[in-house]
Amino acid sequence: MALAKHKSVPKDLKRLMKRVEAHPLVKKVVLQETEPCRHRYAHGTIRVLGETPAGLRLNGYFQGGVIRFFLVTDEKDVLRAWVEKQG
């Protein structure tokens, strides 16, 4: 029996992630691994890392590290511009 990791959104990113999930172009948000580390970005910031065939790959920065996630969408360019504007 395989055990799944607990995946939740850190407190610093909850408000921003709710806005991202509510965007009409976002079909699905897929959380990936959370990595404890130091970074130079403000807590609660998201950044686009690149595109995948299904959507966008992003990093979310919080007090204790980084969480990686994907946004499934058909309109990558429009959503990329919106996410970069949100910060």
Protein backbone atom coordinates (compact mmCIF):
# COMPACT_ATOMS: atom_id res chain seq x y z
CA MET A 1 0.00 0.00 0.00
CA ALA A 2 1.46 3.33 -1.07
CA LEU A 3 1.17 6.27 1.27
CA ALA A 4 0.41 9.66 -0.24
CA LYS A 5 2.11 12.80 0.99
CA HIS A 6 -0.01 15.41 2.70
CA LYS A 7 -0.48 18.27 0.25
CA SER A 8 -1.87 21.55 1.41
CA VAL A 9 -1.33 25.18 0.53
CA PRO A 10 0.82 27.13 3.02
CA LYS A 11 -0.82 29.99 4.89
CA ASP A 12 1.18 32.64 3.00
CA LEU A 13 -0.24 31.49 -0.35
CA LYS A 14 -3.86 30.63 0.48
CA ARG A 15 -5.46 33.93 -0.54
CA LEU A 16 -3.55 34.13 -3.82
CA MET A 17 -4.24 30.46 -4.64
CA LYS A 18 -7.98 30.98 -4.13
CA ARG A 19 -7.89 33.79 -6.71
CA VAL A 20 -5.94 31.58 -9.11
CA GLU A 21 -8.40 28.69 -8.69
CA ALA A 22 -11.35 31.02 -9.25
CA HIS A 23 -9.98 32.37 -12.56
CA PRO A 24 -12.28 31.27 -15.42
CA LEU A 25 -9.38 30.07 -17.61
CA VAL A 26 -8.00 27.68 -14.97
CA LYS A 27 -9.40 24.16 -15.38
CA LYS A 28 -7.39 22.51 -12.63
CA VAL A 29 -4.64 23.24 -10.09
CA VAL A 30 -2.24 20.35 -9.45
CA LEU A 31 -0.03 20.63 -6.35
CA GLN A 32 3.41 19.07 -6.54
CA GLU A 33 6.20 18.79 -3.98
CA THR A 34 6.91 21.30 -1.24
CA GLU A 35 10.57 22.00 -0.64
CA PRO A 36 11.90 23.72 2.48
CA CYS A 37 14.55 26.22 1.43
CA ARG A 38 15.65 29.84 1.53
CA HIS A 39 14.72 32.13 -1.33
CA ARG A 40 14.90 35.78 -2.27
CA TYR A 41 11.23 36.30 -3.14
CA ALA A 42 8.56 37.86 -0.93
CA HIS A 43 6.32 35.43 0.94
CA GLY A 44 3.08 34.83 -0.94
CA THR A 45 4.62 35.32 -4.39
CA ILE A 46 4.03 33.05 -7.38
CA ARG A 47 6.22 32.91 -10.47
CA VAL A 48 5.77 31.19 -13.82
CA LEU A 49 8.59 28.72 -14.54
CA GLY A 50 7.46 27.59 -17.95
CA GLU A 51 4.84 25.98 -20.13
CA THR A 52 3.80 22.37 -20.44
CA PRO A 53 1.56 20.86 -23.13
CA ALA A 54 -1.36 21.04 -20.67
CA GLY A 55 -0.75 24.46 -19.13
CA LEU A 56 1.70 26.37 -16.93
CA ARG A 57 4.29 25.28 -14.35
CA LEU A 58 4.64 27.63 -11.35
CA ASN A 59 6.47 28.10 -8.06
CA GLY A 60 4.77 29.53 -4.99
CA TYR A 61 7.06 31.07 -2.37
CA PHE A 62 6.16 31.03 1.31
CA GLN A 63 7.96 31.59 4.59
CA GLY A 64 9.31 28.05 4.87
CA GLY A 65 10.21 27.33 1.24
CA VAL A 66 8.74 26.67 -2.20
CA ILE A 67 5.74 24.73 -3.48
CA ARG A 68 5.61 23.68 -7.12
CA PHE A 69 2.29 23.41 -8.93
CA PHE A 70 0.71 23.27 -12.36
CA LEU A 71 -2.25 25.11 -13.84
CA VAL A 72 -4.19 23.20 -16.49
CA THR A 73 -5.53 25.60 -19.12
CA ASP A 74 -6.05 26.10 -22.85
CA GLU A 75 -5.19 29.84 -22.85
CA LYS A 76 -1.56 29.77 -21.69
CA ASP A 77 -0.52 33.23 -22.89
CA VAL A 78 -3.47 35.06 -21.33
CA LEU A 79 -3.14 33.17 -18.05
CA ARG A 80 0.65 33.70 -17.96
CA ALA A 81 0.18 37.47 -18.24
CA TRP A 82 -2.49 37.44 -15.51
CA VAL A 83 -0.33 35.37 -13.11
CA GLU A 84 2.74 37.57 -13.66
CA LYS A 85 0.59 40.63 -12.92
CA GLN A 86 -0.69 39.05 -9.68
CA GLY A 87 2.85 38.43 -8.51
